[in-house]
C-alpha atoms as a PDB file:
ATOM      1  CA  MET A   1     -58.271  43.599 136.303  1.00  0.00           C
ATOM      2  CA  SER A   2     -58.477  47.153 134.932  1.00  0.00           C
ATOM      3  CA  GLU A   3     -59.307  47.876 131.327  1.00  0.00           C
ATOM      4  CA  TYR A   4     -57.451  50.276 129.077  1.00  0.00           C
ATOM      5  CA  PHE A   5     -58.999  51.231 125.727  1.00  0.00           C
ATOM      6  CA  GLY A   6     -61.506  48.476 126.512  1.00  0.00           C
ATOM      7  CA  VAL A   7     -58.728  45.834 126.621  1.00  0.00           C
ATOM      8  CA  LYS A   8     -57.202  44.036 129.610  1.00  0.00           C
ATOM      9  CA  VAL A   9     -53.455  43.439 129.780  1.00  0.00           C
ATOM     10  CA  GLU A  10     -54.295  39.783 130.414  1.00  0.00           C
ATOM     11  CA  ASP A  11     -56.166  39.615 127.076  1.00  0.00           C
ATOM     12  CA  ILE A  12     -52.902  40.269 125.252  1.00  0.00           C
ATOM     13  CA  PHE A  13     -50.922  37.625 127.110  1.00  0.00           C
ATOM     14  CA  ASP A  14     -53.777  35.075 127.006  1.00  0.00           C
ATOM     15  CA  THR A  15     -53.848  35.207 123.182  1.00  0.00           C
ATOM     16  CA  MET A  16     -50.086  35.011 122.635  1.00  0.00           C
ATOM     17  CA  LYS A  17     -50.114  31.249 122.142  1.00  0.00           C
ATOM     18  CA  GLU A  18     -52.715  31.350 119.362  1.00  0.00           C
ATOM     19  CA  ARG A  19     -51.007  34.351 117.747  1.00  0.00           C
ATOM     20  CA  PHE A  20     -47.556  32.757 117.798  1.00  0.00           C
ATOM     21  CA  ARG A  21     -45.841  32.348 114.396  1.00  0.00           C
ATOM     22  CA  PRO A  22     -43.368  29.411 114.560  1.00  0.00           C
ATOM     23  CA  GLU A  23     -41.990  30.295 111.131  1.00  0.00           C
ATOM     24  CA  GLY A  24     -40.846  33.645 112.534  1.00  0.00           C
ATOM     25  CA  ALA A  25     -39.086  32.011 115.472  1.00  0.00           C
ATOM     26  CA  VAL A  26     -36.562  30.027 113.453  1.00  0.00           C
ATOM     27  CA  GLY A  27     -33.118  30.582 114.951  1.00  0.00           C
ATOM     28  CA  VAL A  28     -34.465  32.679 117.836  1.00  0.00           C
ATOM     29  CA  ASN A  29     -33.410  31.610 121.332  1.00  0.00           C
ATOM     30  CA  THR A  30     -34.331  34.482 123.599  1.00  0.00           C
ATOM     31  CA  SER A  31     -36.218  35.107 126.835  1.00  0.00           C
ATOM     32  CA  PHE A  32     -38.318  38.250 127.273  1.00  0.00           C
ATOM     33  CA  GLY A  33     -39.579  39.706 130.541  1.00  0.00           C
ATOM     34  CA  TYR A  34     -42.641  41.935 130.818  1.00  0.00           C
ATOM     35  CA  ASP A  35     -43.074  43.970 133.995  1.00  0.00           C
ATOM     36  CA  ILE A  36     -46.448  45.723 133.733  1.00  0.00           C
ATOM     37  CA  LYS A  37     -46.912  48.211 136.560  1.00  0.00           C
ATOM     38  CA  ASP A  38     -49.654  47.311 139.072  1.00  0.00           C
ATOM     39  CA  ILE A  39     -50.710  44.315 136.921  1.00  0.00           C
ATOM     40  CA  GLY A  40     -48.032  41.636 137.013  1.00  0.00           C
ATOM     41  CA  MET A  41     -44.944  40.097 135.415  1.00  0.00           C
ATOM     42  CA  TRP A  42     -44.683  37.575 132.584  1.00  0.00           C
ATOM     43  CA  LYS A  43     -41.723  35.656 131.185  1.00  0.00           C
ATOM     44  CA  LEU A  44     -41.766  34.663 127.509  1.00  0.00           C
ATOM     45  CA  GLU A  45     -39.219  32.126 126.256  1.00  0.00           C
ATOM     46  CA  ILE A  46     -38.592  31.399 122.572  1.00  0.00           C
ATOM     47  CA  SER A  47     -36.464  28.352 121.765  1.00  0.00           C
ATOM     48  CA  GLY A  48     -36.368  25.753 119.013  1.00  0.00           C
ATOM     49  CA  GLY A  49     -39.266  27.343 117.155  1.00  0.00           C
ATOM     50  CA  GLU A  50     -41.558  27.066 120.197  1.00  0.00           C
ATOM     51  CA  MET A  51     -42.736  29.432 122.902  1.00  0.00           C
ATOM     52  CA  SER A  52     -43.621  29.239 126.582  1.00  0.00           C
ATOM     53  CA  LEU A  53     -45.253  31.962 128.659  1.00  0.00           C
ATOM     54  CA  GLU A  54     -45.572  32.115 132.445  1.00  0.00           C
ATOM     55  CA  LYS A  55     -46.820  34.692 134.898  1.00  0.00           C
ATOM     56  CA  LYS A  56     -44.078  35.214 137.478  1.00  0.00           C
ATOM     57  CA  ASP A  57     -43.600  36.799 140.875  1.00  0.00           C
ATOM     58  CA  ALA A  58     -40.107  37.921 139.873  1.00  0.00           C
ATOM     59  CA  LEU A  59     -38.151  38.101 136.625  1.00  0.00           C
ATOM     60  CA  SER A  60     -34.742  36.470 136.475  1.00  0.00           C
ATOM     61  CA  GLY A  61     -32.640  35.044 133.690  1.00  0.00           C
ATOM     62  CA  CYS A  62     -34.329  37.160 130.994  1.00  0.00           C
ATOM     63  CA  ASP A  63     -32.229  38.447 128.121  1.00  0.00           C
ATOM     64  CA  VAL A  64     -34.269  41.643 128.018  1.00  0.00           C
ATOM     65  CA  ILE A  65     -37.000  43.104 130.240  1.00  0.00           C
ATOM     66  CA  MET A  66     -39.655  45.707 129.448  1.00  0.00           C
ATOM     67  CA  HIS A  67     -41.062  47.903 132.220  1.00  0.00           C
ATOM     68  CA  ALA A  68     -44.247  49.746 131.257  1.00  0.00           C
ATOM     69  CA  ASP A  69     -47.560  50.894 132.661  1.00  0.00           C
ATOM     70  CA  ALA A  70     -50.679  49.026 131.538  1.00  0.00           C
ATOM     71  CA  ASN A  71     -52.101  51.895 129.521  1.00  0.00           C
ATOM     72  CA  THR A  72     -48.945  52.209 127.420  1.00  0.00           C
ATOM     73  CA  PHE A  73     -48.538  48.445 126.955  1.00  0.00           C
ATOM     74  CA  VAL A  74     -52.128  47.998 125.748  1.00  0.00           C
ATOM     75  CA  GLY A  75     -51.959  51.131 123.592  1.00  0.00           C
ATOM     76  CA  VAL A  76     -48.928  49.837 121.698  1.00  0.00           C
ATOM     77  CA  ASN A  77     -50.451  46.398 121.136  1.00  0.00           C
ATOM     78  CA  ILE A  78     -53.699  47.767 119.689  1.00  0.00           C
ATOM     79  CA  GLY A  79     -52.012  50.458 117.600  1.00  0.00           C
ATOM     80  CA  LYS A  80     -53.070  53.489 119.643  1.00  0.00           C
ATOM     81  CA  ILE A  81     -49.496  54.358 120.604  1.00  0.00           C
ATOM     82  CA  ASP A  82     -46.500  54.285 118.276  1.00  0.00           C
ATOM     83  CA  GLY A  83     -43.741  51.892 119.349  1.00  0.00           C
ATOM     84  CA  MET A  84     -40.937  54.432 118.864  1.00  0.00           C
ATOM     85  CA  GLU A  85     -42.957  57.062 120.731  1.00  0.00           C
ATOM     86  CA  MET A  86     -43.251  54.628 123.627  1.00  0.00           C
ATOM     87  CA  ILE A  87     -39.448  54.438 123.873  1.00  0.00           C
ATOM     88  CA  THR A  88     -38.433  58.002 123.079  1.00  0.00           C
ATOM     89  CA  ALA A  89     -41.115  59.642 125.221  1.00  0.00           C
ATOM     90  CA  GLY A  90     -39.919  57.742 128.276  1.00  0.00           C
ATOM     91  CA  LYS A  91     -43.171  55.824 128.637  1.00  0.00           C
ATOM     92  CA  THR A  92     -41.300  52.571 129.093  1.00  0.00           C
ATOM     93  CA  LYS A  93     -37.904  51.288 130.203  1.00  0.00           C
ATOM     94  CA  ILE A  94     -35.899  48.450 128.672  1.00  0.00           C
ATOM     95  CA  ASP A  95     -33.302  46.461 130.604  1.00  0.00           C
ATOM     96  CA  GLY A  96     -30.976  44.943 128.019  1.00  0.00           C
ATOM     97  CA  ASP A  97     -30.772  45.432 124.255  1.00  0.00           C
ATOM     98  CA  MET A  98     -33.725  47.568 123.148  1.00  0.00           C
ATOM     99  CA  MET A  99     -33.497  46.232 119.577  1.00  0.00           C
ATOM    100  CA  THR A 100     -34.117  42.683 120.826  1.00  0.00           C
ATOM    101  CA  PHE A 101     -37.756  43.529 121.508  1.00  0.00           C
ATOM    102  CA  GLY A 102     -38.074  44.499 117.849  1.00  0.00           C
ATOM    103  CA  ILE A 103     -38.029  40.844 116.794  1.00  0.00           C
ATOM    104  CA  THR A 104     -41.339  40.188 118.588  1.00  0.00           C
ATOM    105  CA  ALA A 105     -43.074  41.761 115.581  1.00  0.00           C
ATOM    106  CA  LYS A 106     -42.226  38.668 113.535  1.00  0.00           C
ATOM    107  CA  LEU A 107     -43.040  36.239 116.363  1.00  0.00           C
ATOM    108  CA  PHE A 108     -46.728  37.092 116.786  1.00  0.00           C
ATOM    109  CA  ARG A 109     -49.663  38.032 114.634  1.00  0.00           C
ATOM    110  CA  ARG A 110     -51.340  41.349 115.430  1.00  0.00           C
ATOM    111  CA  PHE A 111     -53.512  41.381 118.554  1.00  0.00           C
ATOM    112  CA  THR A 112     -57.217  41.895 117.871  1.00  0.00           C
ATOM    113  CA  PRO A 113     -59.315  43.230 120.783  1.00  0.00           C
ATOM    114  CA  PRO A 114     -62.147  40.904 121.918  1.00  0.00           C
ATOM    115  CA  GLY A 115     -65.263  41.360 119.798  1.00  0.00           C
ATOM    116  CA  GLU A 116     -63.466  43.321 117.086  1.00  0.00           C
ATOM    117  CA  GLN A 117     -63.778  41.988 113.557  1.00  0.00           C
ATOM    118  CA  VAL A 118     -60.589  41.429 111.608  1.00  0.00           C
ATOM    119  CA  GLU A 119     -60.966  43.351 108.373  1.00  0.00           C
ATOM    120  CA  PRO A 120     -59.528  41.719 105.252  1.00  0.00           C
ATOM    121  CA  GLU A 121     -56.513  43.433 103.780  1.00  0.00           C
ATOM    122  CA  GLN A 122     -57.288  45.820 100.961  1.00  0.00           C
ATOM    123  CA  GLU A 123     -56.299  44.690  97.508  1.00  0.00           C
ATOM    124  CA  LEU A 124     -53.453  46.708  96.047  1.00  0.00           C
ATOM    125  CA  ILE A 125     -54.294  47.883  92.538  1.00  0.00           C
ATOM    126  CA  ARG A 126     -51.566  49.581  90.568  1.00  0.00           C
ATOM    127  CA  LEU A 127     -51.117  51.081  87.138  1.00  0.00           C
ATOM    128  CA  ASN A 128     -47.492  51.150  86.012  1.00  0.00           C
ATOM    129  CA  ARG A 129     -46.419  54.388  84.396  1.00  0.00           C
ATOM    130  CA  THR A 130     -42.973  55.869  83.939  1.00  0.00           C
ATOM    131  CA  ILE A 131     -43.129  59.541  84.838  1.00  0.00           C
ATOM    132  CA  SER A 132     -41.266  61.696  82.350  1.00  0.00           C
ATOM    133  CA  VAL A 133     -40.177  65.085  83.634  1.00  0.00           C
ATOM    134  CA  LYS A 134     -38.311  67.351  81.221  1.00  0.00           C
ATOM    135  CA  GLN A 135     -35.781  68.395  83.801  1.00  0.00           C
ATOM    136  CA  LYS A 136     -32.390  67.236  84.979  1.00  0.00           C
ATOM    137  CA  PHE A 137     -31.230  67.311  88.579  1.00  0.00           C
ATOM    138  CA  ALA A 138     -27.529  67.363  89.424  1.00  0.00           C
ATOM    139  CA  THR A 139     -26.506  65.249  92.400  1.00  0.00           C
ATOM    140  CA  GLY A 140     -23.582  67.511  93.183  1.00  0.00           C
ATOM    141  CA  PRO A 141     -19.891  66.583  93.410  1.00  0.00           C
ATOM    142  CA  VAL A 142     -20.111  64.749  96.768  1.00  0.00           C
ATOM    143  CA  MET A 143     -23.068  62.482  96.028  1.00  0.00           C
ATOM    144  CA  GLY A 144     -21.859  62.155  92.450  1.00  0.00           C
ATOM    145  CA  LYS A 145     -18.527  60.737  93.627  1.00  0.00           C
ATOM    146  CA  PHE A 146     -20.361  58.286  95.907  1.00  0.00           C
ATOM    147  CA  LEU A 147     -22.576  57.052  93.042  1.00  0.00           C
ATOM    148  CA  LYS A 148     -19.613  56.779  90.702  1.00  0.00           C
ATOM    149  CA  GLY A 149     -17.927  54.586  93.308  1.00  0.00           C
ATOM    150  CA  LEU A 150     -20.884  52.174  93.258  1.00  0.00           C
ATOM    151  CA  LYS A 151     -20.311  51.619  89.533  1.00  0.00           C
ATOM    152  CA  GLU A 152     -16.838  50.402  90.479  1.00  0.00           C
ATOM    153  CA  LYS A 153     -18.157  48.196  93.342  1.00  0.00           C
ATOM    154  CA  LYS A 154     -16.861  50.629  95.958  1.00  0.00           C
ATOM    155  CA  ILE A 155     -18.806  52.001  98.939  1.00  0.00           C
ATOM    156  CA  LEU A 156     -17.425  55.389  99.893  1.00  0.00           C
ATOM    157  CA  ALA A 157     -17.891  57.412 103.070  1.00  0.00           C
ATOM    158  CA  ILE A 158     -16.813  60.922 103.950  1.00  0.00           C
ATOM    159  CA  LYS A 159     -15.095  61.689 107.257  1.00  0.00           C
ATOM    160  CA  CYS A 160     -15.711  64.668 109.541  1.00  0.00           C
ATOM    161  CA  PRO A 161     -12.388  66.363 110.396  1.00  0.00           C
ATOM    162  CA  GLU A 162     -13.565  67.174 113.945  1.00  0.00           C
ATOM    163  CA  CYS A 163     -15.597  64.245 115.336  1.00  0.00           C
ATOM    164  CA  GLY A 164     -14.237  61.630 112.923  1.00  0.00           C
ATOM    165  CA  ARG A 165     -17.701  60.286 111.980  1.00  0.00           C
ATOM    166  CA  LEU A 166     -17.918  58.337 108.739  1.00  0.00           C
ATOM    167  CA  GLN A 167     -21.039  59.266 106.774  1.00  0.00           C
ATOM    168  CA  SER A 168     -22.351  57.104 103.948  1.00  0.00           C
ATOM    169  CA  PRO A 169     -24.094  58.161 101.800  1.00  0.00           C
ATOM    170  CA  PRO A 170     -21.804  61.171 102.204  1.00  0.00           C
ATOM    171  CA  ARG A 171     -22.753  64.747 102.998  1.00  0.00           C
ATOM    172  CA  GLU A 172     -20.792  67.922 102.430  1.00  0.00           C
ATOM    173  CA  VAL A 173     -21.235  69.187 106.002  1.00  0.00           C
ATOM    174  CA  CYS A 174     -21.221  67.198 109.259  1.00  0.00           C
ATOM    175  CA  ALA A 175     -24.675  67.496 110.837  1.00  0.00           C
ATOM    176  CA  ILE A 176     -23.145  67.552 114.345  1.00  0.00           C
ATOM    177  CA  CYS A 177     -20.007  69.671 113.994  1.00  0.00           C
ATOM    178  CA  ARG A 178     -21.257  71.812 111.090  1.00  0.00           C
ATOM    179  CA  VAL A 179     -17.894  71.767 109.353  1.00  0.00           C
ATOM    180  CA  ARG A 180     -17.100  70.878 105.764  1.00  0.00           C
ATOM    181  CA  ASN A 181     -16.163  67.241 105.067  1.00  0.00           C
ATOM    182  CA  GLU A 182     -13.494  66.538 102.479  1.00  0.00           C
ATOM    183  CA  GLU A 183     -11.674  63.322 103.473  1.00  0.00           C
ATOM    184  CA  TRP A 184     -12.921  60.226 101.604  1.00  0.00           C
ATOM    185  CA  VAL A 185     -12.695  56.672 102.977  1.00  0.00           C
ATOM    186  CA  GLU A 186     -13.622  53.369 101.332  1.00  0.00           C
ATOM    187  CA  ILE A 187     -15.670  51.142 103.662  1.00  0.00           C
ATOM    188  CA  GLY A 188     -17.056  47.613 103.502  1.00  0.00           C
ATOM    189  CA  PRO A 189     -18.131  46.118 101.263  1.00  0.00           C
ATOM    190  CA  GLY A 190     -19.179  43.568 103.903  1.00  0.00           C
ATOM    191  CA  GLY A 191     -20.311  44.151 107.444  1.00  0.00           C
ATOM    192  CA  GLU A 192     -22.490  43.221 110.391  1.00  0.00           C
ATOM    193  CA  MET A 193     -26.238  43.674 110.625  1.00  0.00           C
ATOM    194  CA  ARG A 194     -27.162  46.031 113.465  1.00  0.00           C
ATOM    195  CA  MET A 195     -30.882  46.667 112.925  1.00  0.00           C
ATOM    196  CA  MET A 196     -33.802  45.773 110.677  1.00  0.00           C
ATOM    197  CA  GLU A 197     -37.292  47.073 110.069  1.00  0.00           C
ATOM    198  CA  TYR A 198     -39.974  44.783 108.623  1.00  0.00           C
ATOM    199  CA  CYS A 199     -41.738  46.859 105.963  1.00  0.00           C
ATOM    200  CA  PHE A 200     -45.250  45.931 104.863  1.00  0.00           C
ATOM    201  CA  TYR A 201     -46.006  49.010 102.739  1.00  0.00           C
ATOM    202  CA  ALA A 202     -45.670  48.222  99.029  1.00  0.00           C
ATOM    203  CA  SER A 203     -43.906  51.499  98.263  1.00  0.00           C
ATOM    204  CA  PRO A 204     -43.729  52.230  94.518  1.00  0.00           C
ATOM    205  CA  ASP A 205     -40.499  53.179  92.781  1.00  0.00           C
ATOM    206  CA  PRO A 206     -41.008  56.790  91.625  1.00  0.00           C
ATOM    207  CA  LEU A 207     -38.992  56.149  88.458  1.00  0.00           C
ATOM    208  CA  THR A 208     -40.631  52.936  87.219  1.00  0.00           C
ATOM    209  CA  GLY A 209     -43.905  52.640  89.110  1.00  0.00           C
ATOM    210  CA  GLU A 210     -42.939  49.117  90.213  1.00  0.00           C
ATOM    211  CA  SER A 211     -43.827  48.151  93.781  1.00  0.00           C
ATOM    212  CA  ARG A 212     -41.675  46.101  96.101  1.00  0.00           C
ATOM    213  CA  GLU A 213     -42.945  42.729  97.227  1.00  0.00           C
ATOM    214  CA  THR A 214     -43.815  42.775 100.908  1.00  0.00           C
ATOM    215  CA  PRO A 215     -42.652  42.217 103.515  1.00  0.00           C
ATOM    216  CA  TYR A 216     -39.122  43.410 102.886  1.00  0.00           C
ATOM    217  CA  GLY A 217     -36.326  44.236 105.274  1.00  0.00           C
ATOM    218  CA  ALA A 218     -34.788  47.706 105.541  1.00  0.00           C
ATOM    219  CA  ILE A 219     -31.515  47.096 107.327  1.00  0.00           C
ATOM    220  CA  GLY A 220     -28.727  49.064 108.965  1.00  0.00           C
ATOM    221  CA  ILE A 221     -25.323  47.478 108.341  1.00  0.00           C
ATOM    222  CA  LEU A 222     -22.158  48.365 110.246  1.00  0.00           C
ATOM    223  CA  LEU A 223     -19.761  48.085 107.316  1.00  0.00           C
ATOM    224  CA  GLU A 224     -16.101  47.224 107.758  1.00  0.00           C
ATOM    225  CA  GLY A 225     -14.180  50.311 108.857  1.00  0.00           C
ATOM    226  CA  CYS A 226     -17.183  51.869 110.627  1.00  0.00           C
ATOM    227  CA  LYS A 227     -18.097  51.992 114.322  1.00  0.00           C
ATOM    228  CA  ASP A 228     -20.886  52.856 116.743  1.00  0.00           C
ATOM    229  CA  GLU A 229     -23.917  54.290 114.900  1.00  0.00           C
ATOM    230  CA  GLU A 230     -22.238  54.650 111.488  1.00  0.00           C
ATOM    231  CA  VAL A 231     -24.625  52.201 109.809  1.00  0.00           C
ATOM    232  CA  PHE A 232     -25.316  52.017 106.078  1.00  0.00           C
ATOM    233  CA  TRP A 233     -28.993  51.558 105.191  1.00  0.00           C
ATOM    234  CA  HIS A 234     -30.077  49.262 102.393  1.00  0.00           C
ATOM    235  CA  LEU A 235     -32.240  46.185 101.754  1.00  0.00           C
ATOM    236  CA  LEU A 236     -31.895  42.552 102.813  1.00  0.00           C
ATOM    237  CA  ASN A 237     -32.318  39.557 100.528  1.00  0.00           C
ATOM    238  CA  PRO A 238     -36.099  38.966 100.913  1.00  0.00           C
ATOM    239  CA  GLU A 239     -35.545  35.209 101.216  1.00  0.00           C
ATOM    240  CA  GLN A 240     -33.429  35.714 104.347  1.00  0.00           C
ATOM    241  CA  LEU A 241     -35.706  37.916 106.487  1.00  0.00           C
ATOM    242  CA  ASP A 242     -36.009  35.316 109.232  1.00  0.00           C
ATOM    243  CA  LYS A 243     -32.444  34.015 108.990  1.00  0.00           C
ATOM    244  CA  VAL A 244     -30.498  36.975 110.344  1.00  0.00           C
ATOM    245  CA  GLU A 245     -29.719  38.317 113.806  1.00  0.00           C
ATOM    246  CA  MET A 246     -29.058  41.882 114.906  1.00  0.00           C
ATOM    247  CA  GLY A 247     -25.836  42.825 116.655  1.00  0.00           C
ATOM    248  CA  SER A 248     -25.603  45.146 119.643  1.00  0.00           C
ATOM    249  CA  VAL A 249     -23.228  46.679 122.160  1.00  0.00           C
ATOM    250  CA  LEU A 250     -24.403  47.076 125.758  1.00  0.00           C
ATOM    251  CA  GLY A 251     -21.576  48.350 127.963  1.00  0.00           C
ATOM    252  CA  SER A 252     -18.808  45.757 127.694  1.00  0.00           C
ATOM    253  CA  LYS A 253     -21.204  43.097 126.379  1.00  0.00           C
ATOM    254  CA  VAL A 254     -20.964  42.706 122.595  1.00  0.00           C
ATOM    255  CA  LYS A 255     -23.384  40.618 120.555  1.00  0.00           C
ATOM    256  CA  ASN A 256     -22.254  40.081 116.987  1.00  0.00           C
ATOM    257  CA  GLY A 257     -24.847  40.367 114.253  1.00  0.00           C
ATOM    258  CA  THR A 258     -25.077  38.278 111.094  1.00  0.00           C
ATOM    259  CA  ARG A 259     -22.277  38.926 108.590  1.00  0.00           C
ATOM    260  CA  LEU A 260     -23.606  40.359 105.326  1.00  0.00           C
ATOM    261  CA  ARG A 261     -22.195  41.111 101.898  1.00  0.00           C
ATOM    262  CA  PRO A 262     -23.558  43.184  99.006  1.00  0.00           C
ATOM    263  CA  VAL A 263     -25.031  41.636  95.873  1.00  0.00           C
ATOM    264  CA  TRP A 264     -24.066  43.907  92.995  1.00  0.00           C
ATOM    265  CA  ALA A 265     -26.161  44.505  89.885  1.00  0.00           C
ATOM    266  CA  GLU A 266     -24.605  43.127  86.734  1.00  0.00           C
ATOM    267  CA  ASN A 267     -25.113  46.380  84.849  1.00  0.00           C
ATOM    268  CA  ARG A 268     -24.296  49.261  87.189  1.00  0.00           C
ATOM    269  CA  THR A 269     -25.382  52.772  86.262  1.00  0.00           C
ATOM    270  CA  GLY A 270     -24.297  54.868  89.227  1.00  0.00           C
ATOM    271  CA  SER A 271     -27.416  54.630  91.376  1.00  0.00           C
ATOM    272  CA  VAL A 272     -28.409  53.111  94.710  1.00  0.00           C
ATOM    273  CA  GLY A 273     -29.777  50.199  92.686  1.00  0.00           C
ATOM    274  CA  ASP A 274     -26.207  49.175  91.829  1.00  0.00           C
ATOM    275  CA  ILE A 275     -26.421  47.198  95.079  1.00  0.00           C
ATOM    276  CA  LYS A 276     -29.455  44.953  94.662  1.00  0.00           C
ATOM    277  CA  TYR A 277     -29.484  44.006  98.352  1.00  0.00           C
ATOM    278  CA  PHE A 278     -27.291  42.526 101.063  1.00  0.00           C
ATOM    279  CA  GLU A 279     -27.244  38.797 101.825  1.00  0.00           C
ATOM    280  CA  ILE A 280     -25.771  36.470 104.431  1.00  0.00           C
ATOM    281  CA  ASP A 281     -22.024  36.134 103.920  1.00  0.00           C
ATOM    282  CA  GLU A 282     -21.507  32.371 103.974  1.00  0.00           C
END
């Protein structure tokens, strides 16, 4: 058993049971395959809020399979390698929906290498101050029209005349075709969740100094009228982080995500805060 960064691949799998978070597995019924080059293969099944893990000679019946070398797999689990870098740099291969592996972040607590002490989280101390800058910044006619639409409970997108992409928030020039966009389209307001990032950084609002409660979900929603990658980014109701599923399209196989709807602020001022967050559309 070779070591990488002082950690064995087996150490990670051997601690999965004690690191498992049943509360994060609610509603998850998925099987994951791990094919670690020159080390072995493991099959992880999540069902009914419970997990099972077996070392296998072959992987079959898995919803999604990761192929990676040991060095990369260990590096990601101990924070030496960024997860997105692992995918984009071609250091690993995913058979199935790549986004499905993203939900493992909520299924397991962070792996701690043997002998390493777990440091307590630092206390967040904040001093609320509203920054007053004696300047005004114009949003411009395109973004201004989008923000004005939010006051009227409308989500607007702008359409590229060449590739047909719908962009929301809108931009004056298509980033792909480099042509001016002028055709406006109303989209949503509801849609399907396509992706979500669990955020643990208590980022402060630059206008008020208030910090968001963590964790919170930054989500990409495929609003009605949109297609492919035309997702609209916003926040998810923090009470529903573990109650939603991501949708995906893999060839002819379509997996529908949770239907969401916007929750509008009572007093809308023409800002992104006019939508408080999106919630499950029941």
